[in-house]
Structure formats: C-alpha cells, structure tokens
Amino acid sequence: MKKLGTYLAAWWRLSRVPFLSVGILPLILGFVLAWRWGYKGPFGLYLLSSMSVILIMWMTYYLGERNDLEGDRINQDFNRFSGGSRVLVKGFVPPWFSSLLGYASMVGAVLTGFYIYWRYQTGFWTLLLGGIGISSGFFYSNKPFRWSYRGVGEMLIGFCYGWLPIATGFYLFTGFFSHQILLLSIPVGLSIFNVILINEFPDEEADRAIGKRNLVVRFGKERMGDLYMGLSILVALSFVKVLGIFGQTPAWPILLSAFPLALILSSLIRVWREDFRDPKRLEGLCRNTLLINLSITMILTVQQTLISSIARRP
C-alpha cells in the first residue's frame, strides 16, 4: 500500500496538473469562438477533445521528464517553473515509470482522436490536427528530431499552445477554419513562447552540459533577454489590437486587460535590469510570464463569450 501511494504521488507530480491550463484554455477559446459563430455540439465532444489535449500534454511531460533526466540530475539552478518535477531525480520512481505513462498517454490520445473522428464525423482535419499535436509532443524531446535540443522547440511550443488548440476547438464544431483563429492565436502563441524561453534561463548550464542547444544555450541570456523584451512588446500590441478589432467588445475585457499589460510592463523592467541573473527574481519573472499567458487567454475567452451573448440578445 505504501508503494502504491508513492507511485500515485509520483504520477501526480509528473502530471503537472496546474500546467495543463496552458493547453486547455486555448482549446476552450476555440470552443467559444465556435459558439460566437453559432455552432455548438454534444457534451461528449467537448469532453473527449479536452481529454485528447490533456493526454497529448501528458505524453509530452512524461517523455520529456525521462529524456531530460541527465540534465535534471546536474541542474542546481532550477526553480518551480524549470528543471522538471524532480521525481525521477530524487529516485521516487524508476525512469521506466515515466516512459510507461508517456507511451500510455500517446496510445490514449490516438484512440481518442480516432473515436472522435468516427463517432462525431468531424472530418479528416480532426486526424491531421491530432497527428500534428501528437508528433510535435512526441518528438519534442525524443529522437531522432528532439526539437527542444535544436533551437526550434520554442517555436513549436508557440504553435502547439497557440494556434493549434484554438483551431482544433473551433474546427471540431464548425468543420472549417476562420482568420479570427490566427488573430486570437498571435498574443497567445507569442506569450507562451516567452514562457518556455524564460524557463530556459535557470537551466542554461545544465542544458549546455548535455548538449541541449535551445535558444538560450545557443545565443546566451543577454540576447535572449532582448528577444524576450521584443516579444513582450509584440504580445502587448497584438493583445490590445485583438481586443479592439472585434467591434462590440464589452467593457469587462478591456478593464481586465490592465492585469496582463501591467505584468508585461513589470517583466520588461525586470529583464532590462537583468533580474534574470538573480535566482529568486528569475523565479518571479518565470511566474509572471506564465500569468501573462494565462490571463491573456482567459480575457480573450471572456471577450468572445460576451460578444456571443450580445449577438444573441433579441
């Protein structure tokens, strides 16, 4: 019984449940955009598509934990947002446990995707979108591509946690795509890019030691600090633009937008002062960057929900 409890606790920590929000919230935004266009569907489709996204994220987390074990073992500068869950490093469970969870999640995601396609007749793009998500997550840290080791993992994250879930949530209920998906995905995708970028700062030395040549290892913290600031400005501008581009935007999303915009300003100041050189301040910067992404996605979802409600008033 004690061993079972250990494995359950390890599963929970490996699953990083709070971080599932970065994929689920954009999917919900896609759902809401479909509602705005007048499309709704059965509850089972919402549930299964959400589960499919969760399984793909779990696959990525579990396999990444196993594949990054060498670097995590020598990493002494990690914080709550980097360096893995530390479950394998501390020896709570053997590495094969994480691999088993990863492959089981992949099988579950594949089966769920095919069932959605067959049961709800959602069209061929269902399989293609799911295949892109699964292959991107699997090869993010797995050979032969190992995208996170080659300096392209950050862009892949921006796509897979930006456009892809929004487009999937919209397509499953409409059967087509809209240019509004791209508009909404720009601030979401750029902000999640910044999340993974700043989370690489604490792991730089460990990543360099094992040959994980992500952007921070390739170009250094100073240059990537400049990139972070530039992208933060683009996040703010695109977010404000998207809020204003939908003509009937109610007051609430505009008022709420002060929160992520204030965080963006604070993060710009922190990076300009090179706070990333101090571990405590860097952890705060990692936290704020994640909050920027989550709050932007939620505010855009509120905006689309309210616009949809206004459009349906008699």
Foldseek 3Di string as FASTA:
>chain_A
DVLVVLLVVLLVLLLPVVVLLLQLLLLLLLQLLLVLVVWDDDPVLNVLVSLLSSLLVLLLSLVVCLLCVQLLLPQPQADPQASHSCCCNVPSDDSVSSVVSNVVSLVVSQVSLVCLCVVVVLDPVSVVLSVLSNVLSNCCCDPDNVVQQPACSLVSQLCNSFLSSSQNSNSSGPVDGDVLSVLLRLLLSLLVSLLVLLNCLSSQVSCVVVRRDHPCVVPNLLVSLVVSLVSLVVSLVSLVCSQVVPPPFDDVLVVLVVVLVVLSVVLNVCSVVPVSVPSVSSVVSSVSSVVSNSSSSVSSSVRSNVSSVVVPDD
